[in-house]
Amino acid sequence: MLKKIKQSCIWSNGPFPAGLRNDGELFWGGKLSSKKDDWDQSSLYFSIPPGKKAIGDSAYGGTPEKCTIAMDGHNKIALQKMNRVKARQESYIINE
């Protein structure tokens, strides 16, 4: 997850063995089908303040209160902005 104005890492978790968990399970801290009370409270889902949202792909569609995804009703400019934000996240490199 990256800040909107300045490219800096605001949350990190892992690494995890490939295939152990999907992106959504890492975001939520558990399976979407399980109770929120059973999710890991240190997950990104619980780190997003009220009134703020992440921008994600369709895998995060089950949590509209915390994540905005591209939908048919969005105009071209909104979709382009969401794509830029998602691309930033994909290209972010942590320098150690």
Foldseek 3Di string as FASTA:
>chain_A
DADDPDGDDDDDDDDDPPPPDDPQCQQLQHDPPDDSVPRDCNGVQNVADQPEEDEDEPVNVVCPRHYDYDDPPDDPVVVVVSVVRVVSVVPDDDDD
